[in-house]
């Protein structure tokens, strides 16, 4: 008769694979613990999980953090929410998150209809200098319907257009991509989709968290190694090893480039070439919480502070009428600021804000948070960009390895072969969905 003592049962439970409870997992004694492993529970990983559910395939979704969402995260730690990562549902006409928001009852707002004001400062002094011409020329320069865009640095592509255009491309790259313009491929940037941008008053991260509510996720489980030398793949984590027929890897380019996951055998040269051709920006945010004092600044006002030629702060004041100022900055300037640590970075932002509003804000200040994705060990950057001369890097990364390792995320965003959804949560969703369809066909 089998020993069914409590001690024996606990010993048996400890030896089981680290699978979360989910319908359709492989039966005991099977060669594989599940059909597919998904590494990373951000937008791409959650989309892959949802697609595999629809296809009737078993999966295990593994996440290193203690939460879902990855770089889409609504921070509530200050008592007033702010999106520490992604904010906009870009190109909402075809972005899956727009439909998901509608289906889940999340309100959205056309970003063009949000009351706004813009005040430009240079070294603390108000200025009326306009950059309209610079940005108008940029729109034309990166329109592939007008003329072919070469795979050269952004700065080189506008090098003959004058100082105002040159400054505009530097500011755009630093404040939109989080990187210095000379390190970004013009062709990669020109491929990005455009369209209606929506904002979520309740938070983009809150939407993703709600979407994930009924998806089983194994949290706080970093992956250390992937062995694809035999049939299927073996995935080593801090909580044990599991075997699946295939794997979808949605961790960031920054994590992969840093070799945080060891591959046996090493990844093919083409895949490594794709990683080497992609960089990670450093778009960064600091949230400043106040007690209700608005310093005579209306909600929706942006205070832009230019500090020399390579440093910019955007103080986004009282979004959705909350008592928070969200400070946005990027590029090498951001990398320098985050080295100060959270306390130092918050103090610097508070000091700069005081200069712009004309008085010391310390008395009304109630707390601050630094969202430095470039220093986050599970991100190591805000999102990816192709380096000059490497506009084909995303395609290389998106190519399956041995028809059982699939990379998906914002770096391969959009699916298909144009990667126009790169750098966005919507593109990550589409990439995860496409990878799931491919992984579901694996018969190893």
Protein backbone atom coordinates (compact mmCIF):
# COMPACT_ATOMS: atom_id res chain seq x y z
CA UNK A 1 0.00 0.00 0.00
CA UNK A 2 1.47 3.44 -0.90
CA UNK A 3 2.74 5.68 1.90
CA UNK A 4 0.30 8.61 2.04
CA UNK A 5 1.69 10.25 5.17
CA UNK A 6 1.76 14.07 5.29
CA UNK A 7 5.59 14.06 5.24
CA UNK A 8 5.69 11.81 2.17
CA UNK A 9 3.18 14.03 0.36
CA UNK A 10 5.21 17.16 1.11
CA UNK A 11 8.37 15.49 -0.19
CA UNK A 12 6.58 14.50 -3.39
CA UNK A 13 5.18 18.01 -3.87
CA UNK A 14 8.64 19.53 -3.53
CA UNK A 15 9.91 17.47 -6.46
CA UNK A 16 7.19 18.54 -8.90
CA UNK A 17 7.89 20.94 -11.78
CA UNK A 18 7.33 24.64 -11.07
CA UNK A 19 4.14 24.82 -13.08
CA UNK A 20 1.34 27.16 -11.99
CA UNK A 21 -2.17 25.73 -11.94
CA UNK A 22 -3.54 25.91 -15.49
CA UNK A 23 -5.96 23.90 -17.57
CA UNK A 24 -4.36 21.73 -20.22
CA UNK A 25 -0.91 21.10 -18.72
CA UNK A 26 0.91 17.91 -19.63
CA UNK A 27 -0.10 14.84 -17.71
CA UNK A 28 2.21 13.27 -15.13
CA UNK A 29 4.90 11.13 -16.73
CA UNK A 30 4.93 13.03 -20.03
CA UNK A 31 8.27 13.99 -21.54
CA UNK A 32 7.39 17.70 -21.48
CA UNK A 33 5.99 19.73 -18.62
CA UNK A 34 4.03 21.86 -21.10
CA UNK A 35 3.88 22.60 -24.79
CA UNK A 36 5.33 26.11 -24.53
CA UNK A 37 7.28 28.11 -21.99
CA UNK A 38 6.86 31.89 -22.05
CA UNK A 39 9.57 33.94 -20.40
CA UNK A 40 8.38 37.36 -19.32
CA UNK A 41 4.86 38.49 -18.36
CA UNK A 42 4.89 41.87 -20.05
CA UNK A 43 2.65 42.82 -22.97
CA UNK A 44 4.19 40.25 -25.33
CA UNK A 45 4.21 37.38 -22.85
CA UNK A 46 0.63 37.96 -21.76
CA UNK A 47 -0.51 38.16 -25.39
CA UNK A 48 1.28 34.90 -26.14
CA UNK A 49 -0.38 33.23 -23.16
CA UNK A 50 -3.82 34.42 -24.21
CA UNK A 51 -3.27 33.17 -27.77
CA UNK A 52 -2.09 29.76 -26.54
CA UNK A 53 -5.17 29.52 -24.36
CA UNK A 54 -7.31 30.13 -27.43
CA UNK A 55 -5.36 27.51 -29.39
CA UNK A 56 -5.76 24.90 -26.64
CA UNK A 57 -2.03 24.60 -25.97
CA UNK A 58 -0.52 24.11 -22.53
CA UNK A 59 2.02 26.68 -21.34
CA UNK A 60 3.91 27.94 -18.35
CA UNK A 61 4.41 31.70 -18.05
CA UNK A 62 7.47 32.67 -16.03
CA UNK A 63 8.17 36.19 -14.73
CA UNK A 64 11.25 37.43 -12.86
CA UNK A 65 9.45 40.35 -11.22
CA UNK A 66 6.90 40.09 -8.44
CA UNK A 67 4.24 41.58 -10.75
CA UNK A 68 3.04 41.41 -14.35
CA UNK A 69 3.28 44.15 -16.96
CA UNK A 70 7.01 44.60 -17.42
CA UNK A 71 7.67 48.13 -18.68
CA UNK A 72 3.95 48.94 -18.60
CA UNK A 73 3.42 49.81 -14.94
CA UNK A 74 1.06 52.16 -13.11
CA UNK A 75 2.79 53.25 -9.90
CA UNK A 76 0.49 54.09 -6.96
CA UNK A 77 3.13 54.26 -4.22
CA UNK A 78 2.83 58.06 -3.83
CA UNK A 79 -0.91 57.92 -3.21
CA UNK A 80 -1.50 59.42 -6.68
CA UNK A 81 -1.09 57.12 -9.68
CA UNK A 82 1.23 57.72 -12.61
CA UNK A 83 2.39 55.52 -15.46
CA UNK A 84 6.05 54.85 -14.78
CA UNK A 85 6.46 53.20 -18.17
CA UNK A 86 4.27 53.24 -21.29
CA UNK A 87 1.60 55.96 -21.35
CA UNK A 88 0.07 56.12 -24.84
CA UNK A 89 -1.90 53.53 -26.76
CA UNK A 90 -0.13 54.49 -29.98
CA UNK A 91 -1.70 54.10 -33.45
CA UNK A 92 -4.92 53.14 -31.70
CA UNK A 93 -6.73 52.31 -34.94
CA UNK A 94 -4.95 48.94 -34.97
CA UNK A 95 -3.38 48.67 -31.53
CA UNK A 96 -4.91 45.65 -29.71
CA UNK A 97 -4.84 47.47 -26.37
CA UNK A 98 -7.46 49.95 -27.61
CA UNK A 99 -9.98 47.16 -28.11
CA UNK A 100 -8.94 45.49 -24.86
CA UNK A 101 -9.51 48.75 -22.97
CA UNK A 102 -12.97 49.05 -24.47
CA UNK A 103 -13.85 45.43 -23.68
CA UNK A 104 -12.67 45.74 -20.08
CA UNK A 105 -14.43 49.05 -19.49
CA UNK A 106 -11.34 51.25 -19.27
CA UNK A 107 -11.95 54.84 -20.37
CA UNK A 108 -9.63 56.26 -23.03
CA UNK A 109 -9.03 59.85 -24.10
CA UNK A 110 -7.76 61.16 -27.43
CA UNK A 111 -4.44 62.78 -26.49
CA UNK A 112 -5.11 65.66 -28.89
CA UNK A 113 -8.24 66.57 -26.92
CA UNK A 114 -6.58 66.80 -23.51
CA UNK A 115 -6.30 70.45 -22.39
CA UNK A 116 -2.68 71.49 -22.75
CA UNK A 117 -0.28 74.39 -22.55
CA UNK A 118 3.41 74.59 -23.35
CA UNK A 119 6.04 76.82 -21.80
CA UNK A 120 9.65 76.71 -22.94
CA UNK A 121 12.57 77.66 -20.69
CA UNK A 122 16.30 77.87 -21.31
CA UNK A 123 18.45 77.61 -18.20
CA UNK A 124 15.52 78.73 -16.05
CA UNK A 125 14.44 81.72 -18.18
CA UNK A 126 11.19 81.75 -20.18
CA UNK A 127 11.76 81.91 -23.95
CA UNK A 128 9.46 82.27 -26.95
CA UNK A 129 11.81 80.52 -29.35
CA UNK A 130 9.80 78.24 -31.62
CA UNK A 131 10.83 74.86 -32.98
CA UNK A 132 7.83 74.49 -35.29
CA UNK A 133 9.85 74.68 -38.50
CA UNK A 134 12.32 72.11 -37.21
CA UNK A 135 9.63 69.56 -36.43
CA UNK A 136 7.76 70.27 -39.68
CA UNK A 137 10.90 69.44 -41.67
CA UNK A 138 11.43 66.28 -39.60
CA UNK A 139 7.98 65.04 -40.52
CA UNK A 140 8.88 65.29 -44.19
CA UNK A 141 12.41 63.90 -43.84
CA UNK A 142 11.17 60.66 -42.26
CA UNK A 143 8.19 60.12 -44.53
CA UNK A 144 9.13 57.13 -46.67
CA UNK A 145 6.34 57.99 -49.11
CA UNK A 146 8.20 61.21 -49.94
CA UNK A 147 11.70 59.79 -50.41
CA UNK A 148 13.75 56.74 -49.34
CA UNK A 149 15.24 57.03 -45.86
CA UNK A 150 18.83 55.77 -45.52
CA UNK A 151 20.15 53.58 -42.70
CA UNK A 152 22.28 56.39 -41.23
CA UNK A 153 22.22 58.27 -37.90
CA UNK A 154 19.27 60.62 -37.39
CA UNK A 155 21.69 63.54 -37.21
CA UNK A 156 23.28 62.67 -40.54
CA UNK A 157 19.92 62.45 -42.29
CA UNK A 158 19.14 66.10 -41.40
CA UNK A 159 22.69 67.43 -41.51
CA UNK A 160 21.96 69.89 -44.35
CA UNK A 161 18.65 71.23 -43.00
CA UNK A 162 19.91 73.91 -40.61
CA UNK A 163 20.39 74.36 -36.89
CA UNK A 164 16.70 74.41 -35.92
CA UNK A 165 16.10 71.03 -37.60
CA UNK A 166 19.27 69.60 -36.07
CA UNK A 167 18.14 70.71 -32.59
CA UNK A 168 14.67 69.31 -33.25
CA UNK A 169 15.94 65.85 -34.17
CA UNK A 170 18.17 65.81 -31.09
CA UNK A 171 15.27 66.73 -28.84
CA UNK A 172 12.87 64.32 -30.51
CA UNK A 173 15.29 61.41 -30.18
CA UNK A 174 16.22 62.15 -26.59
CA UNK A 175 12.67 62.76 -25.37
CA UNK A 176 10.83 60.17 -27.49
CA UNK A 177 13.34 57.35 -27.90
CA UNK A 178 15.47 58.02 -24.83
CA UNK A 179 18.67 58.02 -26.86
CA UNK A 180 21.06 60.48 -28.50
CA UNK A 181 20.17 61.02 -32.15
CA UNK A 182 23.58 60.03 -33.49
CA UNK A 183 23.02 56.47 -32.15
CA UNK A 184 19.67 55.83 -33.85
CA UNK A 185 19.04 54.51 -37.37
CA UNK A 186 16.98 56.90 -39.49
CA UNK A 187 15.46 54.00 -41.41
CA UNK A 188 14.41 52.18 -38.25
CA UNK A 189 12.73 55.33 -36.95
CA UNK A 190 11.02 56.03 -40.29
CA UNK A 191 9.41 52.58 -40.28
CA UNK A 192 7.39 53.25 -37.12
CA UNK A 193 3.62 53.33 -37.51
CA UNK A 194 1.70 56.47 -36.62
CA UNK A 195 -1.93 57.29 -35.92
CA UNK A 196 -4.31 58.17 -33.13
CA UNK A 197 -2.80 58.21 -29.62
CA UNK A 198 -5.03 57.40 -26.65
CA UNK A 199 -4.44 58.04 -22.96
CA UNK A 200 -5.83 55.98 -20.09
CA UNK A 201 -6.93 57.99 -17.04
CA UNK A 202 -6.85 54.82 -14.92
CA UNK A 203 -3.38 53.89 -16.16
CA UNK A 204 -1.92 51.77 -18.95
CA UNK A 205 -0.30 49.50 -16.40
CA UNK A 206 -3.63 49.06 -14.62
CA UNK A 207 -5.17 47.94 -17.92
CA UNK A 208 -2.44 45.35 -18.51
CA UNK A 209 -2.75 44.10 -14.95
CA UNK A 210 -6.51 43.68 -15.35
CA UNK A 211 -6.02 41.87 -18.68
CA UNK A 212 -3.69 39.40 -16.95
CA UNK A 213 -6.05 38.62 -14.08
CA UNK A 214 -7.07 35.14 -15.28
CA UNK A 215 -3.73 34.19 -16.85
CA UNK A 216 -1.62 31.87 -14.65
CA UNK A 217 1.82 33.39 -14.03
CA UNK A 218 4.78 32.13 -12.02
CA UNK A 219 6.11 35.34 -10.44
CA UNK A 220 9.52 35.99 -8.84
CA UNK A 221 11.10 33.30 -11.00
CA UNK A 222 14.12 34.54 -12.98
CA UNK A 223 15.35 32.32 -15.80
CA UNK A 224 19.10 31.63 -15.72
CA UNK A 225 19.71 29.28 -18.64
CA UNK A 226 18.09 27.68 -21.67
CA UNK A 227 19.41 24.39 -23.07
CA UNK A 228 18.22 23.58 -26.58
CA UNK A 229 20.83 20.90 -27.34
CA UNK A 230 18.30 18.08 -27.26
CA UNK A 231 14.62 17.66 -28.04
CA UNK A 232 12.58 20.66 -27.01
CA UNK A 233 14.13 23.07 -24.52
CA UNK A 234 15.18 22.84 -20.88
CA UNK A 235 14.69 26.04 -18.90
CA UNK A 236 16.65 26.56 -15.70
CA UNK A 237 15.14 28.94 -13.16
CA UNK A 238 15.80 29.85 -9.56
CA UNK A 239 13.00 27.47 -8.63
CA UNK A 240 13.89 24.44 -10.69
CA UNK A 241 14.10 23.28 -14.30
CA UNK A 242 11.27 22.50 -16.68
CA UNK A 243 11.10 21.07 -20.18
CA UNK A 244 8.81 22.25 -22.97
CA UNK A 245 8.52 21.68 -26.68
CA UNK A 246 9.30 25.33 -27.44
CA UNK A 247 9.95 28.65 -25.73
CA UNK A 248 8.87 32.24 -26.35
CA UNK A 249 11.38 34.72 -24.95
CA UNK A 250 9.98 38.19 -24.32
CA UNK A 251 12.67 39.66 -22.06
CA UNK A 252 14.20 42.95 -23.17
CA UNK A 253 17.07 43.42 -25.58
CA UNK A 254 19.01 44.93 -22.69
CA UNK A 255 18.73 41.73 -20.65
CA UNK A 256 19.65 39.55 -23.62
CA UNK A 257 22.62 41.71 -24.59
CA UNK A 258 23.90 41.52 -21.01
CA UNK A 259 23.76 37.69 -21.26
CA UNK A 260 21.57 37.39 -18.19
CA UNK A 261 20.27 34.17 -19.73
CA UNK A 262 22.84 31.55 -20.75
CA UNK A 263 22.12 29.54 -23.92
CA UNK A 264 23.42 26.03 -24.63
CA UNK A 265 24.50 25.80 -27.38
CA UNK A 266 25.12 29.52 -27.98
CA UNK A 267 22.60 31.37 -30.11
CA UNK A 268 23.30 31.46 -33.87
CA UNK A 269 25.41 34.27 -35.29
CA UNK A 270 22.43 35.87 -37.04
CA UNK A 271 20.48 36.11 -33.79
CA UNK A 272 23.50 37.51 -31.96
CA UNK A 273 23.99 39.96 -34.84
CA UNK A 274 20.43 41.12 -34.37
CA UNK A 275 21.02 41.76 -30.68
CA UNK A 276 24.28 43.58 -31.37
CA UNK A 277 22.49 45.85 -33.83
CA UNK A 278 19.95 47.02 -31.26
CA UNK A 279 20.47 49.51 -28.46
CA UNK A 280 18.30 50.45 -25.49
CA UNK A 281 17.25 54.01 -24.72
CA UNK A 282 17.17 55.60 -21.28
CA UNK A 283 13.86 57.48 -21.21
CA UNK A 284 13.34 58.15 -17.51
CA UNK A 285 10.61 59.56 -15.25
CA UNK A 286 10.49 61.16 -11.84
CA UNK A 287 7.13 61.67 -10.13
CA UNK A 288 6.84 64.56 -7.67
CA UNK A 289 3.82 64.46 -5.33
CA UNK A 290 2.49 67.71 -3.84
CA UNK A 291 -0.17 68.54 -1.26
CA UNK A 292 -2.51 70.36 -3.64
CA UNK A 293 -0.53 73.56 -4.27
CA UNK A 294 -0.50 74.02 -8.07
CA UNK A 295 2.00 76.95 -8.18
CA UNK A 296 -0.29 78.86 -10.58
CA UNK A 297 0.23 76.16 -13.24
CA UNK A 298 -2.86 74.67 -14.89
CA UNK A 299 -3.35 70.90 -15.32
CA UNK A 300 -2.01 69.70 -18.66
CA UNK A 301 0.79 72.27 -18.79
CA UNK A 302 4.22 71.13 -19.92
CA UNK A 303 7.21 73.10 -18.66
CA UNK A 304 10.15 72.32 -20.95
CA UNK A 305 13.56 73.23 -19.59
CA UNK A 306 16.56 73.23 -21.93
CA UNK A 307 19.81 73.03 -20.00
CA UNK A 308 22.57 73.35 -22.53
CA UNK A 309 22.56 71.52 -25.87
CA UNK A 310 22.19 67.95 -24.57
CA UNK A 311 19.91 68.11 -21.51
CA UNK A 312 16.14 68.56 -21.39
CA UNK A 313 13.50 68.18 -18.68
CA UNK A 314 9.78 68.03 -19.43
CA UNK A 315 7.68 68.76 -16.34
CA UNK A 316 4.21 67.39 -17.12
CA UNK A 317 2.00 69.12 -14.57
CA UNK A 318 -1.03 67.61 -12.86
CA UNK A 319 -1.99 64.94 -15.45
CA UNK A 320 -5.70 64.10 -15.14
CA UNK A 321 -5.88 66.76 -12.40
CA UNK A 322 -3.78 64.69 -9.99
CA UNK A 323 -1.40 66.28 -7.49
CA UNK A 324 1.61 64.94 -9.32
CA UNK A 325 4.22 66.42 -11.65
CA UNK A 326 5.81 63.80 -13.91
CA UNK A 327 9.32 64.76 -15.03
CA UNK A 328 10.46 63.14 -18.28
CA UNK A 329 14.01 63.13 -19.64
CA UNK A 330 16.27 60.84 -21.64
CA UNK A 331 19.57 60.11 -23.35
CA UNK A 332 22.94 60.59 -21.72
CA UNK A 333 21.47 63.30 -19.51
CA UNK A 334 19.14 60.72 -17.98
CA UNK A 335 21.96 58.24 -17.49
CA UNK A 336 23.88 60.90 -15.55
CA UNK A 337 20.89 61.85 -13.39
CA UNK A 338 19.96 58.30 -12.39
CA UNK A 339 23.48 57.74 -11.09
CA UNK A 340 22.50 60.12 -8.29
CA UNK A 341 20.10 57.49 -6.99
CA UNK A 342 16.43 58.10 -6.26
CA UNK A 343 16.94 60.67 -3.50
CA UNK A 344 19.48 62.66 -5.51
CA UNK A 345 17.45 62.54 -8.74
CA UNK A 346 14.25 63.62 -6.98
CA UNK A 347 16.09 66.49 -5.25
CA UNK A 348 17.50 67.68 -8.58
CA UNK A 349 14.09 67.57 -10.29
CA UNK A 350 12.50 69.43 -7.38
CA UNK A 351 15.16 72.13 -7.57
CA UNK A 352 14.67 72.58 -11.32
CA UNK A 353 10.89 72.71 -10.91
CA UNK A 354 11.25 75.45 -8.31
CA UNK A 355 13.25 77.58 -10.75
CA UNK A 356 10.51 77.32 -13.37
CA UNK A 357 7.57 78.13 -11.08
CA UNK A 358 9.46 80.91 -9.33
CA UNK A 359 9.36 79.72 -5.73
CA UNK A 360 10.56 76.96 -3.45
CA UNK A 361 8.22 73.97 -3.78
CA UNK A 362 9.65 72.07 -0.81
CA UNK A 363 6.94 73.03 1.68
CA UNK A 364 4.22 71.53 -0.53
CA UNK A 365 6.31 68.50 -1.56
CA UNK A 366 5.15 65.14 -0.20
CA UNK A 367 7.35 62.56 -1.93
CA UNK A 368 8.99 61.45 -5.14
CA UNK A 369 9.70 58.33 -7.17
CA UNK A 370 12.34 57.59 -9.79
CA UNK A 371 11.44 55.23 -12.66
CA UNK A 372 14.85 54.52 -14.18
CA UNK A 373 14.36 51.68 -16.66
CA UNK A 374 17.99 51.84 -17.73
CA UNK A 375 18.97 50.78 -14.19
CA UNK A 376 16.22 48.19 -13.79
CA UNK A 377 17.88 44.73 -13.85
CA UNK A 378 14.89 43.20 -15.65
CA UNK A 379 14.75 45.90 -18.35
CA UNK A 380 18.15 47.60 -18.71
CA UNK A 381 16.62 50.31 -20.87
CA UNK A 382 13.27 51.82 -21.81
CA UNK A 383 12.88 50.24 -25.26
CA UNK A 384 14.95 49.31 -28.27
CA UNK A 385 16.21 51.20 -31.31
CA UNK A 386 18.26 49.98 -34.24
CA UNK A 387 21.77 51.36 -34.37
CA UNK A 388 22.85 53.18 -37.55
CA UNK A 389 23.65 50.65 -40.26
CA UNK A 390 21.60 47.93 -38.51
CA UNK A 391 18.03 48.52 -39.64
CA UNK A 392 17.75 44.77 -40.33
CA UNK A 393 18.50 43.87 -36.71
CA UNK A 394 14.87 43.41 -35.71
CA UNK A 395 14.30 40.93 -38.55
CA UNK A 396 17.33 38.91 -37.46
CA UNK A 397 16.08 38.74 -33.87
CA UNK A 398 12.59 37.76 -35.00
CA UNK A 399 13.84 34.76 -36.97
CA UNK A 400 13.07 31.55 -35.02
CA UNK A 401 16.00 29.52 -33.73
CA UNK A 402 15.82 25.81 -34.55
CA UNK A 403 12.04 26.30 -34.97
CA UNK A 404 11.57 26.14 -31.20
CA UNK A 405 13.03 29.38 -29.77
CA UNK A 406 10.97 32.46 -30.59
CA UNK A 407 11.87 36.01 -29.58
CA UNK A 408 9.00 38.46 -29.16
CA UNK A 409 8.49 41.86 -27.61
CA UNK A 410 8.68 45.53 -28.45
CA UNK A 411 11.99 44.88 -30.25
CA UNK A 412 10.14 42.76 -32.83
CA UNK A 413 6.94 44.75 -32.46
CA UNK A 414 4.17 44.66 -34.99
CA UNK A 415 4.68 41.24 -36.47
CA UNK A 416 5.10 40.65 -40.17
CA UNK A 417 8.26 42.06 -41.69
CA UNK A 418 8.12 45.85 -41.28
CA UNK A 419 8.31 46.07 -37.45
CA UNK A 420 6.35 49.32 -37.48
CA UNK A 421 4.98 48.61 -34.02
CA UNK A 422 8.43 48.47 -32.43
CA UNK A 423 9.04 50.36 -29.17
CA UNK A 424 5.36 50.08 -28.14
CA UNK A 425 3.21 47.86 -25.93
CA UNK A 426 0.84 47.39 -28.86
CA UNK A 427 3.64 46.14 -31.07
CA UNK A 428 4.79 43.83 -28.28
CA UNK A 429 1.28 42.37 -28.06
CA UNK A 430 1.20 41.63 -31.79
CA UNK A 431 4.68 40.09 -31.66
CA UNK A 432 3.72 37.85 -28.73
CA UNK A 433 0.55 36.76 -30.47
CA UNK A 434 2.45 35.87 -33.65
CA UNK A 435 5.14 33.98 -31.73
CA UNK A 436 2.46 31.95 -29.95
CA UNK A 437 0.97 30.83 -33.25
CA UNK A 438 4.37 29.67 -34.45
CA UNK A 439 5.22 27.94 -31.15
CA UNK A 440 1.88 26.15 -31.14
CA UNK A 441 2.85 24.35 -34.33
CA UNK A 442 6.03 22.82 -32.85
CA UNK A 443 5.79 19.01 -32.68
CA UNK A 444 9.12 18.21 -30.94
